[in-house]
C-alpha cells in the first residue's frame, strides 16, 4: 500500500513536470527596421551654412551664407590683405 502511494505520487509528479515542459509558452519577437512611409518626403532638418569669400582689391572678406534658405547670415568679416599673386 505504501509502495502504491509512492508510485502514484511519482507518476503524478512526472506527469505534471512533463505537462509543464510541453505547454510552456514560447515568446517570439520579430525585429524589423523602421522605414519611412515614402522616400520622397525626406527632407533635411538642419540648414546648410557655408563661408563665402570675396576679394575687394587686395582685401579678403568672408560672410556666412545659408544655402538652404538663400540668405546671408551675419555681417561681412574682414580677413586680411593678400598680395597680387596669392589669390586670383
PDB file of N, CA and C in Angstrom:
ATOM      1  N   UNK A   1       0.827  -1.187   0.000  1.00  0.00           N
ATOM      2  CA  UNK A   1       0.000   0.000   0.000  1.00  0.00           C
ATOM      3  C   UNK A   1       0.870   1.250   0.000  1.00  0.00           C
ATOM      4  N   UNK A   2       1.882   1.231   0.827  1.00  0.00           N
ATOM      5  CA  UNK A   2       2.761   2.369   0.889  1.00  0.00           C
ATOM      6  C   UNK A   2       3.502   2.539  -0.435  1.00  0.00           C
ATOM      7  N   UNK A   3       3.891   1.429  -1.026  1.00  0.00           N
ATOM      8  CA  UNK A   3       4.578   1.460  -2.297  1.00  0.00           C
ATOM      9  C   UNK A   3       3.640   1.974  -3.398  1.00  0.00           C
ATOM     10  N   UNK A   4       2.376   1.698  -3.297  1.00  0.00           N
ATOM     11  CA  UNK A   4       1.379   2.153  -4.264  1.00  0.00           C
ATOM     12  C   UNK A   4       1.226   3.670  -4.197  1.00  0.00           C
ATOM     13  N   UNK A   5       1.247   4.229  -2.998  1.00  0.00           N
ATOM     14  CA  UNK A   5       1.153   5.684  -2.838  1.00  0.00           C
ATOM     15  C   UNK A   5       2.384   6.377  -3.412  1.00  0.00           C
ATOM     16  N   UNK A   6       3.543   5.762  -3.203  1.00  0.00           N
ATOM     17  CA  UNK A   6       4.774   6.341  -3.718  1.00  0.00           C
ATOM     18  C   UNK A   6       4.751   6.329  -5.236  1.00  0.00           C
ATOM     19  N   UNK A   7       4.270   5.239  -5.852  1.00  0.00           N
ATOM     20  CA  UNK A   7       4.186   5.162  -7.310  1.00  0.00           C
ATOM     21  C   UNK A   7       3.217   6.202  -7.863  1.00  0.00           C
ATOM     22  N   UNK A   8       2.074   6.353  -7.191  1.00  0.00           N
ATOM     23  CA  UNK A   8       1.087   7.344  -7.630  1.00  0.00           C
ATOM     24  C   UNK A   8       1.664   8.758  -7.533  1.00  0.00           C
ATOM     25  N   UNK A   9       2.353   9.018  -6.422  1.00  0.00           N
ATOM     26  CA  UNK A   9       2.962  10.333  -6.240  1.00  0.00           C
ATOM     27  C   UNK A   9       4.027  10.587  -7.308  1.00  0.00           C
ATOM     28  N   UNK A  10       4.851   9.573  -7.578  1.00  0.00           N
ATOM     29  CA  UNK A  10       5.873   9.700  -8.614  1.00  0.00           C
ATOM     30  C   UNK A  10       5.231   9.897  -9.986  1.00  0.00           C
ATOM     31  N   UNK A  11       4.207   9.164 -10.291  1.00  0.00           N
ATOM     32  CA  UNK A  11       3.527   9.269 -11.575  1.00  0.00           C
ATOM     33  C   UNK A  11       2.884  10.646 -11.748  1.00  0.00           C
ATOM     34  N   UNK A  12       2.224  11.144 -10.707  1.00  0.00           N
ATOM     35  CA  UNK A  12       1.605  12.469 -10.768  1.00  0.00           C
ATOM     36  C   UNK A  12       2.676  13.552 -10.926  1.00  0.00           C
ATOM     37  N   UNK A  13       3.771  13.428 -10.203  1.00  0.00           N
ATOM     38  CA  UNK A  13       4.870  14.399 -10.314  1.00  0.00           C
ATOM     39  C   UNK A  13       5.462  14.384 -11.718  1.00  0.00           C
ATOM     40  N   UNK A  14       5.663  13.187 -12.263  1.00  0.00           N
ATOM     41  CA  UNK A  14       6.221  13.073 -13.605  1.00  0.00           C
ATOM     42  C   UNK A  14       5.263  13.666 -14.636  1.00  0.00           C
ATOM     43  N   UNK A  15       3.994  13.404 -14.525  1.00  0.00           N
ATOM     44  CA  UNK A  15       3.016  13.945 -15.469  1.00  0.00           C
ATOM     45  C   UNK A  15       2.933  15.471 -15.379  1.00  0.00           C
ATOM     46  N   UNK A  16       2.966  15.998 -14.167  1.00  0.00           N
ATOM     47  CA  UNK A  16       2.931  17.458 -14.001  1.00  0.00           C
ATOM     48  C   UNK A  16       4.181  18.096 -14.605  1.00  0.00           C
ATOM     49  N   UNK A  17       5.332  17.492 -14.373  1.00  0.00           N
ATOM     50  CA  UNK A  17       6.578  18.021 -14.924  1.00  0.00           C
ATOM     51  C   UNK A  17       6.550  17.988 -16.449  1.00  0.00           C
ATOM     52  N   UNK A  18       6.075  16.894 -17.022  1.00  0.00           N
ATOM     53  CA  UNK A  18       6.017  16.784 -18.480  1.00  0.00           C
ATOM     54  C   UNK A  18       5.001  17.748 -19.074  1.00  0.00           C
ATOM     55  N   UNK A  19       3.886  17.949 -18.361  1.00  0.00           N
ATOM     56  CA  UNK A  19       2.889  18.870 -18.897  1.00  0.00           C
ATOM     57  C   UNK A  19       3.416  20.306 -18.884  1.00  0.00           C
ATOM     58  N   UNK A  20       4.208  20.677 -17.882  1.00  0.00           N
ATOM     59  CA  UNK A  20       4.818  21.994 -17.854  1.00  0.00           C
ATOM     60  C   UNK A  20       5.873  22.130 -18.949  1.00  0.00           C
ATOM     61  N   UNK A  21       6.568  21.051 -19.222  1.00  0.00           N
ATOM     62  CA  UNK A  21       7.604  21.081 -20.231  1.00  0.00           C
ATOM     63  C   UNK A  21       7.012  21.291 -21.626  1.00  0.00           C
ATOM     64  N   UNK A  22       5.911  20.638 -21.919  1.00  0.00           N
ATOM     65  CA  UNK A  22       5.336  20.713 -23.257  1.00  0.00           C
ATOM     66  C   UNK A  22       4.376  21.881 -23.457  1.00  0.00           C
ATOM     67  N   UNK A  23       3.853  22.444 -22.399  1.00  0.00           N
ATOM     68  CA  UNK A  23       2.888  23.535 -22.549  1.00  0.00           C
ATOM     69  C   UNK A  23       3.468  24.899 -22.184  1.00  0.00           C
ATOM     70  N   UNK A  24       4.771  24.978 -22.027  1.00  0.00           N
ATOM     71  CA  UNK A  24       5.390  26.259 -21.696  1.00  0.00           C
ATOM     72  C   UNK A  24       5.217  27.213 -22.874  1.00  0.00           C
ATOM     73  N   UNK A  25       4.793  28.446 -22.612  1.00  0.00           N
ATOM     74  CA  UNK A  25       4.600  29.388 -23.718  1.00  0.00           C
ATOM     75  C   UNK A  25       5.948  29.812 -24.308  1.00  0.00           C
ATOM     76  N   UNK A  26       5.978  29.998 -25.589  1.00  0.00           N
ATOM     77  CA  UNK A  26       7.195  30.465 -26.235  1.00  0.00           C
ATOM     78  C   UNK A  26       6.959  31.892 -26.719  1.00  0.00           C
ATOM     79  N   UNK A  27       7.902  32.756 -26.443  1.00  0.00           N
ATOM     80  CA  UNK A  27       7.796  34.144 -26.842  1.00  0.00           C
ATOM     81  C   UNK A  27       8.640  34.370 -28.086  1.00  0.00           C
ATOM     82  N   UNK A  28       8.031  34.945 -29.085  1.00  0.00           N
ATOM     83  CA  UNK A  28       8.742  35.243 -30.313  1.00  0.00           C
ATOM     84  C   UNK A  28       8.634  36.731 -30.582  1.00  0.00           C
ATOM     85  N   UNK A  29       9.789  37.372 -30.739  1.00  0.00           N
ATOM     86  CA  UNK A  29       9.823  38.799 -31.032  1.00  0.00           C
ATOM     87  C   UNK A  29      10.485  38.972 -32.387  1.00  0.00           C
ATOM     88  N   UNK A  30       9.794  39.647 -33.271  1.00  0.00           N
ATOM     89  CA  UNK A  30      10.333  39.863 -34.600  1.00  0.00           C
ATOM     90  C   UNK A  30      10.796  41.311 -34.708  1.00  0.00           C
ATOM     91  N   UNK A  31      12.051  41.487 -35.083  1.00  0.00           N
ATOM     92  CA  UNK A  31      12.611  42.825 -35.231  1.00  0.00           C
ATOM     93  C   UNK A  31      12.562  43.236 -36.696  1.00  0.00           C
ATOM     94  N   UNK A  32      12.204  44.478 -36.915  1.00  0.00           N
ATOM     95  CA  UNK A  32      12.199  44.992 -38.279  1.00  0.00           C
ATOM     96  C   UNK A  32      12.723  46.413 -38.260  1.00  0.00           C
ATOM     97  N   UNK A  33      13.370  46.807 -39.327  1.00  0.00           N
ATOM     98  CA  UNK A  33      13.930  48.146 -39.425  1.00  0.00           C
ATOM     99  C   UNK A  33      12.816  49.149 -39.706  1.00  0.00           C
ATOM    100  N   UNK A  34      12.941  50.313 -39.102  1.00  0.00           N
ATOM    101  CA  UNK A  34      11.959  51.367 -39.339  1.00  0.00           C
ATOM    102  C   UNK A  34      12.201  51.971 -40.713  1.00  0.00           C
ATOM    103  N   UNK A  35      11.166  52.040 -41.496  1.00  0.00           N
ATOM    104  CA  UNK A  35      11.285  52.625 -42.827  1.00  0.00           C
ATOM    105  C   UNK A  35      10.301  53.780 -42.951  1.00  0.00           C
ATOM    106  N   UNK A  36      10.730  54.845 -43.600  1.00  0.00           N
ATOM    107  CA  UNK A  36       9.816  55.972 -43.772  1.00  0.00           C
ATOM    108  C   UNK A  36       8.695  55.602 -44.738  1.00  0.00           C
ATOM    109  N   UNK A  37       7.545  56.244 -44.628  1.00  0.00           N
ATOM    110  CA  UNK A  37       6.426  55.909 -45.500  1.00  0.00           C
ATOM    111  C   UNK A  37       6.732  56.141 -46.968  1.00  0.00           C
ATOM    112  N   UNK A  38       7.509  57.148 -47.265  1.00  0.00           N
ATOM    113  CA  UNK A  38       7.869  57.422 -48.653  1.00  0.00           C
ATOM    114  C   UNK A  38       9.221  58.099 -48.674  1.00  0.00           C
ATOM    115  N   UNK A  39      10.108  57.628 -49.522  1.00  0.00           N
ATOM    116  CA  UNK A  39      11.450  58.205 -49.565  1.00  0.00           C
ATOM    117  C   UNK A  39      11.439  59.599 -50.187  1.00  0.00           C
ATOM    118  N   UNK A  40      10.365  59.979 -50.860  1.00  0.00           N
ATOM    119  CA  UNK A  40      10.298  61.289 -51.489  1.00  0.00           C
ATOM    120  C   UNK A  40      10.006  62.404 -50.479  1.00  0.00           C
ATOM    121  N   UNK A  41       9.498  62.064 -49.301  1.00  0.00           N
ATOM    122  CA  UNK A  41       9.119  63.079 -48.326  1.00  0.00           C
ATOM    123  C   UNK A  41      10.241  63.390 -47.341  1.00  0.00           C
ATOM    124  N   UNK A  42      11.402  62.762 -47.490  1.00  0.00           N
ATOM    125  CA  UNK A  42      12.508  63.013 -46.566  1.00  0.00           C
ATOM    126  C   UNK A  42      13.154  64.346 -46.926  1.00  0.00           C
ATOM    127  N   UNK A  43      13.323  65.192 -45.924  1.00  0.00           N
ATOM    128  CA  UNK A  43      13.970  66.478 -46.140  1.00  0.00           C
ATOM    129  C   UNK A  43      14.925  66.741 -44.982  1.00  0.00           C
ATOM    130  N   UNK A  44      16.033  67.413 -45.236  1.00  0.00           N
ATOM    131  CA  UNK A  44      16.976  67.691 -44.156  1.00  0.00           C
ATOM    132  C   UNK A  44      16.367  68.655 -43.139  1.00  0.00           C
ATOM    133  N   UNK A  45      16.709  68.457 -41.893  1.00  0.00           N
ATOM    134  CA  UNK A  45      16.171  69.289 -40.823  1.00  0.00           C
ATOM    135  C   UNK A  45      17.083  70.459 -40.490  1.00  0.00           C
ATOM    136  N   UNK A  46      18.375  70.339 -40.769  1.00  0.00           N
ATOM    137  CA  UNK A  46      19.325  71.405 -40.443  1.00  0.00           C
ATOM    138  C   UNK A  46      19.655  72.207 -41.693  1.00  0.00           C
ATOM    139  N   UNK A  47      19.852  73.498 -41.511  1.00  0.00           N
ATOM    140  CA  UNK A  47      20.238  74.358 -42.629  1.00  0.00           C
ATOM    141  C   UNK A  47      21.699  74.098 -43.002  1.00  0.00           C
ATOM    142  N   UNK A  48      22.001  74.270 -44.278  1.00  0.00           N
ATOM    143  CA  UNK A  48      23.373  74.146 -44.759  1.00  0.00           C
ATOM    144  C   UNK A  48      23.955  75.556 -44.837  1.00  0.00           C
ATOM    145  N   UNK A  49      24.988  75.789 -44.028  1.00  0.00           N
ATOM    146  CA  UNK A  49      25.594  77.126 -43.942  1.00  0.00           C
ATOM    147  C   UNK A  49      27.057  77.010 -44.337  1.00  0.00           C
ATOM    148  N   UNK A  50      27.480  77.865 -45.276  1.00  0.00           N
ATOM    149  CA  UNK A  50      28.864  77.835 -45.756  1.00  0.00           C
ATOM    150  C   UNK A  50      29.471  79.238 -45.707  1.00  0.00           C
ATOM    151  N   UNK A  51      30.803  79.278 -45.658  1.00  0.00           N
ATOM    152  CA  UNK A  51      31.523  80.541 -45.734  1.00  0.00           C
ATOM    153  C   UNK A  51      31.677  80.936 -47.194  1.00  0.00           C
ATOM    154  N   UNK A  52      31.436  82.188 -47.486  1.00  0.00           N
ATOM    155  CA  UNK A  52      31.651  82.735 -48.824  1.00  0.00           C
ATOM    156  C   UNK A  52      32.743  83.800 -48.701  1.00  0.00           C
ATOM    157  N   UNK A  53      33.772  83.664 -49.532  1.00  0.00           N
ATOM    158  CA  UNK A  53      34.889  84.615 -49.511  1.00  0.00           C
ATOM    159  C   UNK A  53      34.780  85.547 -50.710  1.00  0.00           C
ATOM    160  N   UNK A  54      35.163  86.796 -50.492  1.00  0.00           N
ATOM    161  CA  UNK A  54      35.102  87.787 -51.555  1.00  0.00           C
ATOM    162  C   UNK A  54      36.365  88.628 -51.493  1.00  0.00           C
ATOM    163  N   UNK A  55      36.918  88.870 -52.668  1.00  0.00           N
ATOM    164  CA  UNK A  55      38.106  89.716 -52.730  1.00  0.00           C
ATOM    165  C   UNK A  55      37.690  91.093 -53.222  1.00  0.00           C
ATOM    166  N   UNK A  56      38.071  92.102 -52.452  1.00  0.00           N
ATOM    167  CA  UNK A  56      37.799  93.501 -52.790  1.00  0.00           C
ATOM    168  C   UNK A  56      39.150  94.211 -52.885  1.00  0.00           C
ATOM    169  N   UNK A  57      39.675  94.259 -54.097  1.00  0.00           N
ATOM    170  CA  UNK A  57      41.018  94.818 -54.261  1.00  0.00           C
ATOM    171  C   UNK A  57      42.031  93.843 -53.714  1.00  0.00           C
ATOM    172  N   UNK A  58      42.821  94.288 -52.729  1.00  0.00           N
ATOM    173  CA  UNK A  58      43.766  93.405 -52.052  1.00  0.00           C
ATOM    174  C   UNK A  58      43.210  92.878 -50.731  1.00  0.00           C
ATOM    175  N   UNK A  59      41.976  93.178 -50.404  1.00  0.00           N
ATOM    176  CA  UNK A  59      41.357  92.746 -49.151  1.00  0.00           C
ATOM    177  C   UNK A  59      40.486  91.512 -49.392  1.00  0.00           C
ATOM    178  N   UNK A  60      40.472  90.623 -48.381  1.00  0.00           N
ATOM    179  CA  UNK A  60      39.615  89.431 -48.425  1.00  0.00           C
ATOM    180  C   UNK A  60      38.590  89.552 -47.307  1.00  0.00           C
ATOM    181  N   UNK A  61      37.331  89.343 -47.672  1.00  0.00           N
ATOM    182  CA  UNK A  61      36.221  89.395 -46.729  1.00  0.00           C
ATOM    183  C   UNK A  61      35.492  88.059 -46.767  1.00  0.00           C
ATOM    184  N   UNK A  62      34.851  87.703 -45.654  1.00  0.00           N
ATOM    185  CA  UNK A  62      34.062  86.474 -45.616  1.00  0.00           C
ATOM    186  C   UNK A  62      32.735  86.727 -44.903  1.00  0.00           C
ATOM    187  N   UNK A  63      31.743  85.923 -45.287  1.00  0.00           N
ATOM    188  CA  UNK A  63      30.421  86.024 -44.670  1.00  0.00           C
ATOM    189  C   UNK A  63      29.745  84.655 -44.739  1.00  0.00           C
ATOM    190  N   UNK A  64      28.921  84.364 -43.760  1.00  0.00           N
ATOM    191  CA  UNK A  64      28.185  83.099 -43.768  1.00  0.00           C
ATOM    192  C   UNK A  64      26.969  83.214 -44.682  1.00  0.00           C
ATOM    193  N   UNK A  65      26.737  82.144 -45.458  1.00  0.00           N
ATOM    194  CA  UNK A  65      25.607  82.110 -46.377  1.00  0.00           C
ATOM    195  C   UNK A  65      24.804  80.836 -46.133  1.00  0.00           C
ATOM    196  N   UNK A  66      23.509  81.007 -45.904  1.00  0.00           N
ATOM    197  CA  UNK A  66      22.614  79.872 -45.698  1.00  0.00           C
ATOM    198  C   UNK A  66      22.139  79.400 -47.072  1.00  0.00           C
ATOM    199  N   UNK A  67      22.714  78.287 -47.541  1.00  0.00           N
ATOM    200  CA  UNK A  67      22.364  77.795 -48.874  1.00  0.00           C
ATOM    201  C   UNK A  67      20.987  77.147 -48.903  1.00  0.00           C
ATOM    202  N   UNK A  68      20.473  76.721 -47.759  1.00  0.00           N
ATOM    203  CA  UNK A  68      19.137  76.121 -47.715  1.00  0.00           C
ATOM    204  C   UNK A  68      18.058  77.163 -47.961  1.00  0.00           C
ATOM    205  N   UNK A  69      18.229  78.343 -47.364  1.00  0.00           N
ATOM    206  CA  UNK A  69      17.218  79.390 -47.479  1.00  0.00           C
ATOM    207  C   UNK A  69      17.606  80.475 -48.489  1.00  0.00           C
ATOM    208  N   UNK A  70      18.882  80.509 -48.896  1.00  0.00           N
ATOM    209  CA  UNK A  70      19.339  81.513 -49.840  1.00  0.00           C
ATOM    210  C   UNK A  70      19.462  82.896 -49.240  1.00  0.00           C
ATOM    211  N   UNK A  71      19.907  82.967 -47.975  1.00  0.00           N
ATOM    212  CA  UNK A  71      20.044  84.270 -47.307  1.00  0.00           C
ATOM    213  C   UNK A  71      21.428  84.369 -46.666  1.00  0.00           C
ATOM    214  N   UNK A  72      21.881  85.618 -46.486  1.00  0.00           N
ATOM    215  CA  UNK A  72      23.143  85.871 -45.811  1.00  0.00           C
ATOM    216  C   UNK A  72      22.923  85.825 -44.308  1.00  0.00           C
ATOM    217  N   UNK A  73      23.902  85.284 -43.590  1.00  0.00           N
ATOM    218  CA  UNK A  73      23.820  85.175 -42.131  1.00  0.00           C
ATOM    219  C   UNK A  73      24.912  86.059 -41.544  1.00  0.00           C
ATOM    220  N   UNK A  74      24.535  87.102 -40.861  1.00  0.00           N
ATOM    221  CA  UNK A  74      25.520  87.965 -40.226  1.00  0.00           C
ATOM    222  C   UNK A  74      26.115  88.986 -41.171  1.00  0.00           C
ATOM    223  N   UNK A  75      27.187  89.631 -40.699  1.00  0.00           N
ATOM    224  CA  UNK A  75      27.854  90.684 -41.448  1.00  0.00           C
ATOM    225  C   UNK A  75      29.134  90.145 -42.086  1.00  0.00           C
ATOM    226  N   UNK A  76      29.635  90.911 -43.062  1.00  0.00           N
ATOM    227  CA  UNK A  76      30.905  90.570 -43.680  1.00  0.00           C
ATOM    228  C   UNK A  76      32.033  90.792 -42.676  1.00  0.00           C
ATOM    229  N   UNK A  77      32.997  89.886 -42.669  1.00  0.00           N
ATOM    230  CA  UNK A  77      34.122  89.940 -41.736  1.00  0.00           C
ATOM    231  C   UNK A  77      35.410  90.117 -42.542  1.00  0.00           C
ATOM    232  N   UNK A  78      36.206  91.084 -42.130  1.00  0.00           N
ATOM    233  CA  UNK A  78      37.485  91.336 -42.797  1.00  0.00           C
ATOM    234  C   UNK A  78      38.468  90.238 -42.421  1.00  0.00           C
ATOM    235  N   UNK A  79      39.085  89.607 -43.430  1.00  0.00           N
ATOM    236  CA  UNK A  79      40.037  88.518 -43.174  1.00  0.00           C
ATOM    237  C   UNK A  79      41.455  89.034 -43.200  1.00  0.00           C
ATOM    238  N   UNK A  80      41.803  89.816 -44.213  1.00  0.00           N
ATOM    239  CA  UNK A  80      43.162  90.332 -44.315  1.00  0.00           C
ATOM    240  C   UNK A  80      43.461  90.769 -45.736  1.00  0.00           C
ATOM    241  N   UNK A  81      44.719  91.127 -45.943  1.00  0.00           N
ATOM    242  CA  UNK A  81      45.152  91.562 -47.270  1.00  0.00           C
ATOM    243  C   UNK A  81      45.958  90.460 -47.923  1.00  0.00           C
ATOM    244  N   UNK A  82      45.879  90.421 -49.235  1.00  0.00           N
ATOM    245  CA  UNK A  82      46.666  89.448 -49.988  1.00  0.00           C
ATOM    246  C   UNK A  82      47.490  90.213 -51.023  1.00  0.00           C
ATOM    247  N   UNK A  83      48.596  89.588 -51.431  1.00  0.00           N
ATOM    248  CA  UNK A  83      49.414  90.164 -52.490  1.00  0.00           C
ATOM    249  C   UNK A  83      48.777  89.871 -53.849  1.00  0.00           C
ATOM    250  N   UNK A  84      49.367  90.375 -54.879  1.00  0.00           N
ATOM    251  CA  UNK A  84      48.784  90.218 -56.211  1.00  0.00           C
ATOM    252  C   UNK A  84      48.863  88.777 -56.706  1.00  0.00           C
ATOM    253  N   UNK A  85      49.799  87.946 -56.223  1.00  0.00           N
ATOM    254  CA  UNK A  85      49.932  86.588 -56.722  1.00  0.00           C
ATOM    255  C   UNK A  85      49.337  85.518 -55.820  1.00  0.00           C
ATOM    256  N   UNK A  86      48.781  85.886 -54.672  1.00  0.00           N
ATOM    257  CA  UNK A  86      48.306  84.880 -53.724  1.00  0.00           C
ATOM    258  C   UNK A  86      46.899  84.395 -54.014  1.00  0.00           C
ATOM    259  N   UNK A  87      46.054  85.249 -54.526  1.00  0.00           N
ATOM    260  CA  UNK A  87      44.659  84.859 -54.746  1.00  0.00           C
ATOM    261  C   UNK A  87      44.218  85.398 -56.107  1.00  0.00           C
ATOM    262  N   UNK A  88      43.593  84.592 -56.925  1.00  0.00           N
ATOM    263  CA  UNK A  88      43.177  85.071 -58.247  1.00  0.00           C
ATOM    264  C   UNK A  88      42.091  86.114 -58.202  1.00  0.00           C
TER     265      UNK A  88
END
